[in-house]
Structures are given as structure tokens and as C-alpha cells.
Amino acid sequence: MALLMYFQSTRGAVPPILWLALLVVLYLAVIELRSLDAPRRTKVWWFSLVLLTHVFGYIVLRAWVFFRQRFGPA
């Protein structure tokens, strides 16, 4: 109930926990992309995808890196 009241009281603003979650996911994406052997353009594309789609984009990035490491570059 208190959580519902919190979201209603900040109508029009993003709750701080969502900003924190976005920053954590972007940080994890940067760590993942730094170790990746790919062109800069590819890294920027993946970072922007994670930025725009948030958690879903990070999950897709992790899957792409996993398959790339397992089966070689596409």
C-alpha cells in the first residue's frame, strides 16, 4: 500500500529506484562491452539498445555475447 502511495505522490516524475536500476544496467553493459572484441560502432549500438530498452536490452546483449563467445564471431 505504501508503495502504491509513493508512485501516486510522484506522478510525472521517475522514482529514484528506477534511475538507480537504469544506472546499474548501463554500468553492467559498459563492463560487458569493454571486454568485447568488436568495432566501436557495434559497442555504441549495443549500449544505445540497452539505454532505450533497459533490462530487456541488457538480457539480449548478454545472450549475444554468450553465443558470440561460444560459437565465434558472426
PDB file of N, CA and C in Angstrom:
ATOM      1  N   MET A   1       0.818  -1.193   0.000  1.00  0.00           N
ATOM      2  CA  MET A   1       0.000   0.000   0.000  1.00  0.00           C
ATOM      3  C   MET A   1       0.868   1.266   0.000  1.00  0.00           C
ATOM      4  N   ALA A   2       1.920   1.253   0.808  1.00  0.00           N
ATOM      5  CA  ALA A   2       2.804   2.420   0.865  1.00  0.00           C
ATOM      6  C   ALA A   2       3.503   2.634  -0.468  1.00  0.00           C
ATOM      7  N   LEU A   3       3.838   1.521  -1.153  1.00  0.00           N
ATOM      8  CA  LEU A   3       4.476   1.639  -2.457  1.00  0.00           C
ATOM      9  C   LEU A   3       3.535   2.277  -3.469  1.00  0.00           C
ATOM     10  N   LEU A   4       2.285   1.907  -3.432  1.00  0.00           N
ATOM     11  CA  LEU A   4       1.288   2.495  -4.325  1.00  0.00           C
ATOM     12  C   LEU A   4       1.151   3.993  -4.055  1.00  0.00           C
ATOM     13  N   MET A   5       1.139   4.377  -2.786  1.00  0.00           N
ATOM     14  CA  MET A   5       1.037   5.790  -2.438  1.00  0.00           C
ATOM     15  C   MET A   5       2.287   6.545  -2.896  1.00  0.00           C
ATOM     16  N   TYR A   6       3.463   5.890  -2.848  1.00  0.00           N
ATOM     17  CA  TYR A   6       4.696   6.534  -3.283  1.00  0.00           C
ATOM     18  C   TYR A   6       4.629   6.850  -4.771  1.00  0.00           C
ATOM     19  N   PHE A   7       4.189   5.887  -5.567  1.00  0.00           N
ATOM     20  CA  PHE A   7       4.107   6.115  -7.005  1.00  0.00           C
ATOM     21  C   PHE A   7       3.040   7.149  -7.349  1.00  0.00           C
ATOM     22  N   GLN A   8       1.977   7.211  -6.600  1.00  0.00           N
ATOM     23  CA  GLN A   8       0.954   8.205  -6.860  1.00  0.00           C
ATOM     24  C   GLN A   8       1.425   9.602  -6.472  1.00  0.00           C
ATOM     25  N   SER A   9       2.256   9.698  -5.442  1.00  0.00           N
ATOM     26  CA  SER A   9       2.701  11.012  -4.991  1.00  0.00           C
ATOM     27  C   SER A   9       3.749  11.617  -5.910  1.00  0.00           C
ATOM     28  N   THR A  10       4.399  10.805  -6.721  1.00  0.00           N
ATOM     29  CA  THR A  10       5.434  11.324  -7.609  1.00  0.00           C
ATOM     30  C   THR A  10       4.962  11.311  -9.060  1.00  0.00           C
ATOM     31  N   ARG A  11       3.714  11.520  -9.268  1.00  0.00           N
ATOM     32  CA  ARG A  11       3.168  11.486 -10.619  1.00  0.00           C
ATOM     33  C   ARG A  11       3.907  12.496 -11.502  1.00  0.00           C
ATOM     34  N   GLY A  12       4.366  12.022 -12.640  1.00  0.00           N
ATOM     35  CA  GLY A  12       5.096  12.889 -13.553  1.00  0.00           C
ATOM     36  C   GLY A  12       6.602  12.842 -13.339  1.00  0.00           C
ATOM     37  N   ALA A  13       7.065  12.189 -12.290  1.00  0.00           N
ATOM     38  CA  ALA A  13       8.492  12.070 -12.023  1.00  0.00           C
ATOM     39  C   ALA A  13       8.877  10.594 -11.996  1.00  0.00           C
ATOM     40  N   VAL A  14      10.131  10.336 -12.259  1.00  0.00           N
ATOM     41  CA  VAL A  14      10.624   8.968 -12.226  1.00  0.00           C
ATOM     42  C   VAL A  14      11.120   8.676 -10.811  1.00  0.00           C
ATOM     43  N   PRO A  15      10.662   7.585 -10.213  1.00  0.00           N
ATOM     44  CA  PRO A  15      11.135   7.231  -8.870  1.00  0.00           C
ATOM     45  C   PRO A  15      12.647   6.977  -8.868  1.00  0.00           C
ATOM     46  N   PRO A  16      13.306   7.343  -7.804  1.00  0.00           N
ATOM     47  CA  PRO A  16      14.768   7.185  -7.732  1.00  0.00           C
ATOM     48  C   PRO A  16      15.231   5.738  -7.919  1.00  0.00           C
ATOM     49  N   ILE A  17      14.446   4.769  -7.512  1.00  0.00           N
ATOM     50  CA  ILE A  17      14.847   3.366  -7.655  1.00  0.00           C
ATOM     51  C   ILE A  17      14.954   2.980  -9.131  1.00  0.00           C
ATOM     52  N   LEU A  18      14.137   3.565  -9.983  1.00  0.00           N
ATOM     53  CA  LEU A  18      14.226   3.276 -11.416  1.00  0.00           C
ATOM     54  C   LEU A  18      15.466   3.905 -12.031  1.00  0.00           C
ATOM     55  N   TRP A  19      15.832   5.111 -11.581  1.00  0.00           N
ATOM     56  CA  TRP A  19      17.080   5.725 -12.043  1.00  0.00           C
ATOM     57  C   TRP A  19      18.268   4.863 -11.628  1.00  0.00           C
ATOM     58  N   LEU A  20      18.226   4.372 -10.400  1.00  0.00           N
ATOM     59  CA  LEU A  20      19.310   3.529  -9.899  1.00  0.00           C
ATOM     60  C   LEU A  20      19.402   2.238 -10.708  1.00  0.00           C
ATOM     61  N   ALA A  21      18.277   1.620 -10.996  1.00  0.00           N
ATOM     62  CA  ALA A  21      18.274   0.388 -11.787  1.00  0.00           C
ATOM     63  C   ALA A  21      18.839   0.642 -13.184  1.00  0.00           C
ATOM     64  N   LEU A  22      18.470   1.758 -13.796  1.00  0.00           N
ATOM     65  CA  LEU A  22      18.987   2.091 -15.121  1.00  0.00           C
ATOM     66  C   LEU A  22      20.498   2.291 -15.075  1.00  0.00           C
ATOM     67  N   LEU A  23      20.988   2.989 -14.074  1.00  0.00           N
ATOM     68  CA  LEU A  23      22.428   3.208 -13.955  1.00  0.00           C
ATOM     69  C   LEU A  23      23.187   1.899 -13.747  1.00  0.00           C
ATOM     70  N   VAL A  24      22.625   1.005 -12.964  1.00  0.00           N
ATOM     71  CA  VAL A  24      23.280  -0.289 -12.729  1.00  0.00           C
ATOM     72  C   VAL A  24      23.345  -1.097 -14.018  1.00  0.00           C
ATOM     73  N   VAL A  25      22.248  -1.129 -14.767  1.00  0.00           N
ATOM     74  CA  VAL A  25      22.224  -1.885 -16.016  1.00  0.00           C
ATOM     75  C   VAL A  25      23.190  -1.271 -17.033  1.00  0.00           C
ATOM     76  N   LEU A  26      23.270   0.048 -17.106  1.00  0.00           N
ATOM     77  CA  LEU A  26      24.212   0.691 -18.031  1.00  0.00           C
ATOM     78  C   LEU A  26      25.656   0.416 -17.622  1.00  0.00           C
ATOM     79  N   TYR A  27      25.917   0.416 -16.320  1.00  0.00           N
ATOM     80  CA  TYR A  27      27.261   0.092 -15.833  1.00  0.00           C
ATOM     81  C   TYR A  27      27.642  -1.342 -16.218  1.00  0.00           C
ATOM     82  N   LEU A  28      26.717  -2.277 -16.030  1.00  0.00           N
ATOM     83  CA  LEU A  28      26.985  -3.661 -16.406  1.00  0.00           C
ATOM     84  C   LEU A  28      27.197  -3.800 -17.906  1.00  0.00           C
ATOM     85  N   ALA A  29      26.461  -3.039 -18.685  1.00  0.00           N
ATOM     86  CA  ALA A  29      26.632  -3.073 -20.139  1.00  0.00           C
ATOM     87  C   ALA A  29      28.014  -2.552 -20.530  1.00  0.00           C
ATOM     88  N   VAL A  30      28.478  -1.483 -19.887  1.00  0.00           N
ATOM     89  CA  VAL A  30      29.809  -0.938 -20.183  1.00  0.00           C
ATOM     90  C   VAL A  30      30.879  -1.969 -19.854  1.00  0.00           C
ATOM     91  N   ILE A  31      30.764  -2.632 -18.721  1.00  0.00           N
ATOM     92  CA  ILE A  31      31.734  -3.664 -18.349  1.00  0.00           C
ATOM     93  C   ILE A  31      31.733  -4.786 -19.380  1.00  0.00           C
ATOM     94  N   GLU A  32      30.553  -5.197 -19.787  1.00  0.00           N
ATOM     95  CA  GLU A  32      30.432  -6.273 -20.776  1.00  0.00           C
ATOM     96  C   GLU A  32      31.028  -5.861 -22.119  1.00  0.00           C
ATOM     97  N   LEU A  33      30.777  -4.634 -22.538  1.00  0.00           N
ATOM     98  CA  LEU A  33      31.228  -4.181 -23.854  1.00  0.00           C
ATOM     99  C   LEU A  33      32.718  -3.875 -23.895  1.00  0.00           C
ATOM    100  N   ARG A  34      33.309  -3.515 -22.760  1.00  0.00           N
ATOM    101  CA  ARG A  34      34.746  -3.217 -22.741  1.00  0.00           C
ATOM    102  C   ARG A  34      35.575  -4.440 -23.108  1.00  0.00           C
ATOM    103  N   SER A  35      35.154  -5.594 -22.624  1.00  0.00           N
ATOM    104  CA  SER A  35      35.928  -6.809 -22.882  1.00  0.00           C
ATOM    105  C   SER A  35      35.610  -7.438 -24.232  1.00  0.00           C
ATOM    106  N   LEU A  36      34.627  -6.918 -24.924  1.00  0.00           N
ATOM    107  CA  LEU A  36      34.203  -7.484 -26.200  1.00  0.00           C
ATOM    108  C   LEU A  36      35.112  -7.009 -27.333  1.00  0.00           C
ATOM    109  N   ASP A  37      35.518  -7.942 -28.175  1.00  0.00           N
ATOM    110  CA  ASP A  37      36.353  -7.592 -29.326  1.00  0.00           C
ATOM    111  C   ASP A  37      35.430  -7.328 -30.515  1.00  0.00           C
ATOM    112  N   ALA A  38      34.954  -6.086 -30.603  1.00  0.00           N
ATOM    113  CA  ALA A  38      34.034  -5.689 -31.671  1.00  0.00           C
ATOM    114  C   ALA A  38      34.338  -4.246 -32.046  1.00  0.00           C
ATOM    115  N   PRO A  39      33.915  -3.828 -33.236  1.00  0.00           N
ATOM    116  CA  PRO A  39      34.126  -2.427 -33.623  1.00  0.00           C
ATOM    117  C   PRO A  39      33.387  -1.466 -32.686  1.00  0.00           C
ATOM    118  N   ARG A  40      33.905  -0.249 -32.610  1.00  0.00           N
ATOM    119  CA  ARG A  40      33.317   0.762 -31.731  1.00  0.00           C
ATOM    120  C   ARG A  40      31.849   1.017 -32.077  1.00  0.00           C
ATOM    121  N   ARG A  41      31.544   1.012 -33.355  1.00  0.00           N
ATOM    122  CA  ARG A  41      30.164   1.249 -33.790  1.00  0.00           C
ATOM    123  C   ARG A  41      29.213   0.191 -33.225  1.00  0.00           C
ATOM    124  N   THR A  42      29.658  -1.051 -33.182  1.00  0.00           N
ATOM    125  CA  THR A  42      28.847  -2.140 -32.624  1.00  0.00           C
ATOM    126  C   THR A  42      28.639  -1.937 -31.131  1.00  0.00           C
ATOM    127  N   LYS A  43      29.691  -1.541 -30.438  1.00  0.00           N
ATOM    128  CA  LYS A  43      29.586  -1.312 -28.996  1.00  0.00           C
ATOM    129  C   LYS A  43      28.619  -0.172 -28.686  1.00  0.00           C
ATOM    130  N   VAL A  44      28.704   0.907 -29.456  1.00  0.00           N
ATOM    131  CA  VAL A  44      27.791   2.045 -29.252  1.00  0.00           C
ATOM    132  C   VAL A  44      26.360   1.628 -29.544  1.00  0.00           C
ATOM    133  N   TRP A  45      26.166   0.810 -30.571  1.00  0.00           N
ATOM    134  CA  TRP A  45      24.817   0.327 -30.898  1.00  0.00           C
ATOM    135  C   TRP A  45      24.238  -0.491 -29.757  1.00  0.00           C
ATOM    136  N   TRP A  46      25.039  -1.390 -29.197  1.00  0.00           N
ATOM    137  CA  TRP A  46      24.546  -2.207 -28.082  1.00  0.00           C
ATOM    138  C   TRP A  46      24.261  -1.349 -26.848  1.00  0.00           C
ATOM    139  N   PHE A  47      25.133  -0.385 -26.578  1.00  0.00           N
ATOM    140  CA  PHE A  47      24.906   0.489 -25.423  1.00  0.00           C
ATOM    141  C   PHE A  47      23.610   1.278 -25.596  1.00  0.00           C
ATOM    142  N   SER A  48      23.369   1.799 -26.791  1.00  0.00           N
ATOM    143  CA  SER A  48      22.131   2.559 -27.011  1.00  0.00           C
ATOM    144  C   SER A  48      20.903   1.659 -26.925  1.00  0.00           C
ATOM    145  N   LEU A  49      21.021   0.407 -27.366  1.00  0.00           N
ATOM    146  CA  LEU A  49      19.903  -0.527 -27.229  1.00  0.00           C
ATOM    147  C   LEU A  49      19.583  -0.769 -25.758  1.00  0.00           C
ATOM    148  N   VAL A  50      20.627  -0.966 -24.944  1.00  0.00           N
ATOM    149  CA  VAL A  50      20.414  -1.166 -23.505  1.00  0.00           C
ATOM    150  C   VAL A  50      19.820   0.094 -22.883  1.00  0.00           C
ATOM    151  N   LEU A  51      20.289   1.256 -23.306  1.00  0.00           N
ATOM    152  CA  LEU A  51      19.757   2.511 -22.779  1.00  0.00           C
ATOM    153  C   LEU A  51      18.267   2.663 -23.099  1.00  0.00           C
ATOM    154  N   LEU A  52      17.887   2.318 -24.316  1.00  0.00           N
ATOM    155  CA  LEU A  52      16.495   2.505 -24.734  1.00  0.00           C
ATOM    156  C   LEU A  52      15.555   1.425 -24.209  1.00  0.00           C
ATOM    157  N   THR A  53      16.048   0.206 -24.099  1.00  0.00           N
ATOM    158  CA  THR A  53      15.155  -0.888 -23.708  1.00  0.00           C
ATOM    159  C   THR A  53      15.389  -1.377 -22.287  1.00  0.00           C
ATOM    160  N   HIS A  54      16.387  -0.853 -21.631  1.00  0.00           N
ATOM    161  CA  HIS A  54      16.688  -1.106 -20.231  1.00  0.00           C
ATOM    162  C   HIS A  54      17.013  -2.575 -19.978  1.00  0.00           C
ATOM    163  N   VAL A  55      16.291  -3.259 -19.144  1.00  0.00           N
ATOM    164  CA  VAL A  55      16.629  -4.616 -18.725  1.00  0.00           C
ATOM    165  C   VAL A  55      16.529  -5.597 -19.898  1.00  0.00           C
ATOM    166  N   PHE A  56      15.506  -5.465 -20.716  1.00  0.00           N
ATOM    167  CA  PHE A  56      15.352  -6.369 -21.859  1.00  0.00           C
ATOM    168  C   PHE A  56      16.556  -6.260 -22.795  1.00  0.00           C
ATOM    169  N   GLY A  57      17.003  -5.062 -23.048  1.00  0.00           N
ATOM    170  CA  GLY A  57      18.170  -4.862 -23.911  1.00  0.00           C
ATOM    171  C   GLY A  57      19.424  -5.474 -23.328  1.00  0.00           C
ATOM    172  N   TYR A  58      19.582  -5.388 -22.006  1.00  0.00           N
ATOM    173  CA  TYR A  58      20.756  -5.983 -21.365  1.00  0.00           C
ATOM    174  C   TYR A  58      20.711  -7.504 -21.466  1.00  0.00           C
ATOM    175  N   ILE A  59      19.540  -8.083 -21.324  1.00  0.00           N
ATOM    176  CA  ILE A  59      19.405  -9.537 -21.445  1.00  0.00           C
ATOM    177  C   ILE A  59      19.765  -9.980 -22.868  1.00  0.00           C
ATOM    178  N   VAL A  60      19.310  -9.232 -23.858  1.00  0.00           N
ATOM    179  CA  VAL A  60      19.643  -9.553 -25.246  1.00  0.00           C
ATOM    180  C   VAL A  60      21.150  -9.409 -25.475  1.00  0.00           C
ATOM    181  N   LEU A  61      21.765  -8.369 -24.910  1.00  0.00           N
ATOM    182  CA  LEU A  61      23.216  -8.188 -25.019  1.00  0.00           C
ATOM    183  C   LEU A  61      23.951  -9.377 -24.413  1.00  0.00           C
ATOM    184  N   ARG A  62      23.542  -9.816 -23.225  1.00  0.00           N
ATOM    185  CA  ARG A  62      24.193 -10.957 -22.572  1.00  0.00           C
ATOM    186  C   ARG A  62      24.068 -12.215 -23.422  1.00  0.00           C
ATOM    187  N   ALA A  63      22.903 -12.419 -24.028  1.00  0.00           N
ATOM    188  CA  ALA A  63      22.714 -13.592 -24.884  1.00  0.00           C
ATOM    189  C   ALA A  63      23.619 -13.507 -26.114  1.00  0.00           C
ATOM    190  N   TRP A  64      23.723 -12.320 -26.716  1.00  0.00           N
ATOM    191  CA  TRP A  64      24.558 -12.140 -27.898  1.00  0.00           C
ATOM    192  C   TRP A  64      26.026 -12.405 -27.565  1.00  0.00           C
ATOM    193  N   VAL A  65      26.489 -11.879 -26.440  1.00  0.00           N
ATOM    194  CA  VAL A  65      27.876 -12.099 -26.031  1.00  0.00           C
ATOM    195  C   VAL A  65      28.119 -13.579 -25.755  1.00  0.00           C
ATOM    196  N   PHE A  66      27.186 -14.234 -25.098  1.00  0.00           N
ATOM    197  CA  PHE A  66      27.327 -15.661 -24.797  1.00  0.00           C
ATOM    198  C   PHE A  66      27.466 -16.472 -26.082  1.00  0.00           C
ATOM    199  N   PHE A  67      26.566 -16.254 -27.039  1.00  0.00           N
ATOM    200  CA  PHE A  67      26.614 -17.013 -28.278  1.00  0.00           C
ATOM    201  C   PHE A  67      27.842 -16.642 -29.117  1.00  0.00           C
ATOM    202  N   ARG A  68      28.263 -15.401 -29.041  1.00  0.00           N
ATOM    203  CA  ARG A  68      29.457 -14.985 -29.777  1.00  0.00           C
ATOM    204  C   ARG A  68      30.702 -15.655 -29.213  1.00  0.00           C
ATOM    205  N   GLN A  69      30.782 -15.765 -27.891  1.00  0.00           N
ATOM    206  CA  GLN A  69      31.943 -16.409 -27.271  1.00  0.00           C
ATOM    207  C   GLN A  69      31.908 -17.928 -27.490  1.00  0.00           C
ATOM    208  N   ARG A  70      30.738 -18.472 -27.503  1.00  0.00           N
ATOM    209  CA  ARG A  70      30.601 -19.927 -27.622  1.00  0.00           C
ATOM    210  C   ARG A  70      30.817 -20.410 -29.060  1.00  0.00           C
ATOM    211  N   PHE A  71      30.261 -19.713 -30.026  1.00  0.00           N
ATOM    212  CA  PHE A  71      30.299 -20.173 -31.406  1.00  0.00           C
ATOM    213  C   PHE A  71      31.173 -19.324 -32.326  1.00  0.00           C
ATOM    214  N   GLY A  72      31.835 -18.316 -31.799  1.00  0.00           N
ATOM    215  CA  GLY A  72      32.720 -17.479 -32.599  1.00  0.00           C
ATOM    216  C   GLY A  72      32.004 -16.286 -33.187  1.00  0.00           C
ATOM    217  N   PRO A  73      32.766 -15.343 -33.749  1.00  0.00           N
ATOM    218  CA  PRO A  73      32.158 -14.132 -34.334  1.00  0.00           C
ATOM    219  C   PRO A  73      31.227 -14.472 -35.497  1.00  0.00           C
ATOM    220  N   ALA A  74      30.195 -13.657 -35.629  1.00  0.00           N
ATOM    221  CA  ALA A  74      29.218 -13.893 -36.694  1.00  0.00           C
ATOM    222  C   ALA A  74      29.715 -13.393 -38.028  1.00  0.00           C
TER     223      ALA A  74
END
